[in-house]
Amino acid sequence: MAGDQKPPSTGGPGDVPPGAGQGWTALSYLIAGMLVWGFIGWLVDRWLETDGIATGIGIVLGMAGGIILVVRKLGTPQ
């Protein structure tokens, strides 16, 4: 039924592209994971007096945790 179709969006300045919220969510999970676990690693470095090893491990663990959260929260596109 041709009359039931929705007209295309005009693309005004206030329009948010579809999926933008999911993109920001994914980006914030990744950045927050790196910052939080990197900071924890930095604290462990200060405590054990190592030279940044725990900070690097914390950042990598934060990235992995962020990826896991993104996959669990957003899943696969359908």
C-alpha atoms as a PDB file:
ATOM      1  CA  MET A   1       0.000   0.000   0.000  1.00  0.00           C
ATOM      2  CA  ALA A   2       1.778   3.018  -1.291  1.00  0.00           C
ATOM      3  CA  GLY A   3      -0.110   5.509   0.897  1.00  0.00           C
ATOM      4  CA  ASP A   4       1.092   3.864   4.129  1.00  0.00           C
ATOM      5  CA  GLN A   5       4.760   4.645   3.609  1.00  0.00           C
ATOM      6  CA  LYS A   6       6.472   7.071   5.962  1.00  0.00           C
ATOM      7  CA  PRO A   7       8.032  10.121   4.266  1.00  0.00           C
ATOM      8  CA  PRO A   8      11.853  10.279   4.342  1.00  0.00           C
ATOM      9  CA  SER A   9      13.510  12.384   7.010  1.00  0.00           C
ATOM     10  CA  THR A  10      14.533  15.881   6.029  1.00  0.00           C
ATOM     11  CA  GLY A  11      17.831  15.577   7.926  1.00  0.00           C
ATOM     12  CA  GLY A  12      17.566  18.701  10.033  1.00  0.00           C
ATOM     13  CA  PRO A  13      20.345  19.845  12.368  1.00  0.00           C
ATOM     14  CA  GLY A  14      18.599  18.388  15.463  1.00  0.00           C
ATOM     15  CA  ASP A  15      18.187  14.908  13.996  1.00  0.00           C
ATOM     16  CA  VAL A  16      20.214  12.144  15.609  1.00  0.00           C
ATOM     17  CA  PRO A  17      21.276   9.363  13.242  1.00  0.00           C
ATOM     18  CA  PRO A  18      19.908   5.915  14.146  1.00  0.00           C
ATOM     19  CA  GLY A  19      22.318   3.931  16.289  1.00  0.00           C
ATOM     20  CA  ALA A  20      24.206   6.991  17.529  1.00  0.00           C
ATOM     21  CA  GLY A  21      23.199   6.230  21.110  1.00  0.00           C
ATOM     22  CA  GLN A  22      24.572   2.726  20.801  1.00  0.00           C
ATOM     23  CA  GLY A  23      27.815   4.058  19.386  1.00  0.00           C
ATOM     24  CA  TRP A  24      28.265   6.502  22.259  1.00  0.00           C
ATOM     25  CA  THR A  25      27.443   3.735  24.734  1.00  0.00           C
ATOM     26  CA  ALA A  26      30.069   1.447  23.215  1.00  0.00           C
ATOM     27  CA  LEU A  27      32.675   4.210  23.132  1.00  0.00           C
ATOM     28  CA  SER A  28      32.016   5.183  26.743  1.00  0.00           C
ATOM     29  CA  TYR A  29      32.341   1.552  27.910  1.00  0.00           C
ATOM     30  CA  LEU A  30      35.694   1.218  26.167  1.00  0.00           C
ATOM     31  CA  ILE A  31      37.098   4.525  27.405  1.00  0.00           C
ATOM     32  CA  ALA A  32      35.788   4.074  30.945  1.00  0.00           C
ATOM     33  CA  GLY A  33      37.226   0.555  31.144  1.00  0.00           C
ATOM     34  CA  MET A  34      40.637   1.748  30.043  1.00  0.00           C
ATOM     35  CA  LEU A  35      40.613   4.696  32.447  1.00  0.00           C
ATOM     36  CA  VAL A  36      39.340   2.826  35.498  1.00  0.00           C
ATOM     37  CA  TRP A  37      41.527  -0.254  35.147  1.00  0.00           C
ATOM     38  CA  GLY A  38      44.489   1.819  34.001  1.00  0.00           C
ATOM     39  CA  PHE A  39      44.147   3.920  37.151  1.00  0.00           C
ATOM     40  CA  ILE A  40      43.931   0.778  39.286  1.00  0.00           C
ATOM     41  CA  GLY A  41      47.057  -0.503  37.546  1.00  0.00           C
ATOM     42  CA  TRP A  42      48.779   2.815  38.205  1.00  0.00           C
ATOM     43  CA  LEU A  43      47.927   2.511  41.895  1.00  0.00           C
ATOM     44  CA  VAL A  44      49.364  -1.023  41.951  1.00  0.00           C
ATOM     45  CA  ASP A  45      52.508   0.306  40.227  1.00  0.00           C
ATOM     46  CA  ARG A  46      52.901   2.946  42.910  1.00  0.00           C
ATOM     47  CA  TRP A  47      52.339   0.373  45.659  1.00  0.00           C
ATOM     48  CA  LEU A  48      54.742  -2.245  44.250  1.00  0.00           C
ATOM     49  CA  GLU A  49      57.185   0.348  42.835  1.00  0.00           C
ATOM     50  CA  THR A  50      57.171  -1.144  39.341  1.00  0.00           C
ATOM     51  CA  ASP A  51      57.708   0.849  36.180  1.00  0.00           C
ATOM     52  CA  GLY A  52      54.305   0.928  34.480  1.00  0.00           C
ATOM     53  CA  ILE A  53      53.826  -2.800  33.998  1.00  0.00           C
ATOM     54  CA  ALA A  54      50.615  -2.954  36.026  1.00  0.00           C
ATOM     55  CA  THR A  55      49.317   0.180  34.286  1.00  0.00           C
ATOM     56  CA  GLY A  56      49.730  -1.473  30.890  1.00  0.00           C
ATOM     57  CA  ILE A  57      48.096  -4.654  32.105  1.00  0.00           C
ATOM     58  CA  GLY A  58      45.243  -2.614  33.604  1.00  0.00           C
ATOM     59  CA  ILE A  59      44.632  -0.761  30.336  1.00  0.00           C
ATOM     60  CA  VAL A  60      44.553  -4.016  28.362  1.00  0.00           C
ATOM     61  CA  LEU A  61      42.194  -5.596  30.901  1.00  0.00           C
ATOM     62  CA  GLY A  62      40.005  -2.484  30.757  1.00  0.00           C
ATOM     63  CA  MET A  63      39.789  -2.721  26.963  1.00  0.00           C
ATOM     64  CA  ALA A  64      38.898  -6.411  27.147  1.00  0.00           C
ATOM     65  CA  GLY A  65      36.281  -5.743  29.814  1.00  0.00           C
ATOM     66  CA  GLY A  66      34.834  -2.895  27.768  1.00  0.00           C
ATOM     67  CA  ILE A  67      34.552  -5.114  24.712  1.00  0.00           C
ATOM     68  CA  ILE A  68      32.808  -7.799  26.770  1.00  0.00           C
ATOM     69  CA  LEU A  69      30.349  -5.215  28.124  1.00  0.00           C
ATOM     70  CA  VAL A  70      29.653  -3.858  24.647  1.00  0.00           C
ATOM     71  CA  VAL A  71      28.930  -7.325  23.283  1.00  0.00           C
ATOM     72  CA  ARG A  72      26.676  -8.185  26.247  1.00  0.00           C
ATOM     73  CA  LYS A  73      24.838  -4.852  26.241  1.00  0.00           C
ATOM     74  CA  LEU A  74      24.452  -4.236  22.531  1.00  0.00           C
ATOM     75  CA  GLY A  75      24.736  -7.760  21.140  1.00  0.00           C
ATOM     76  CA  THR A  76      24.982  -8.434  17.458  1.00  0.00           C
ATOM     77  CA  PRO A  77      23.085  -6.289  14.940  1.00  0.00           C
ATOM     78  CA  GLN A  78      19.926  -7.851  13.594  1.00  0.00           C
END
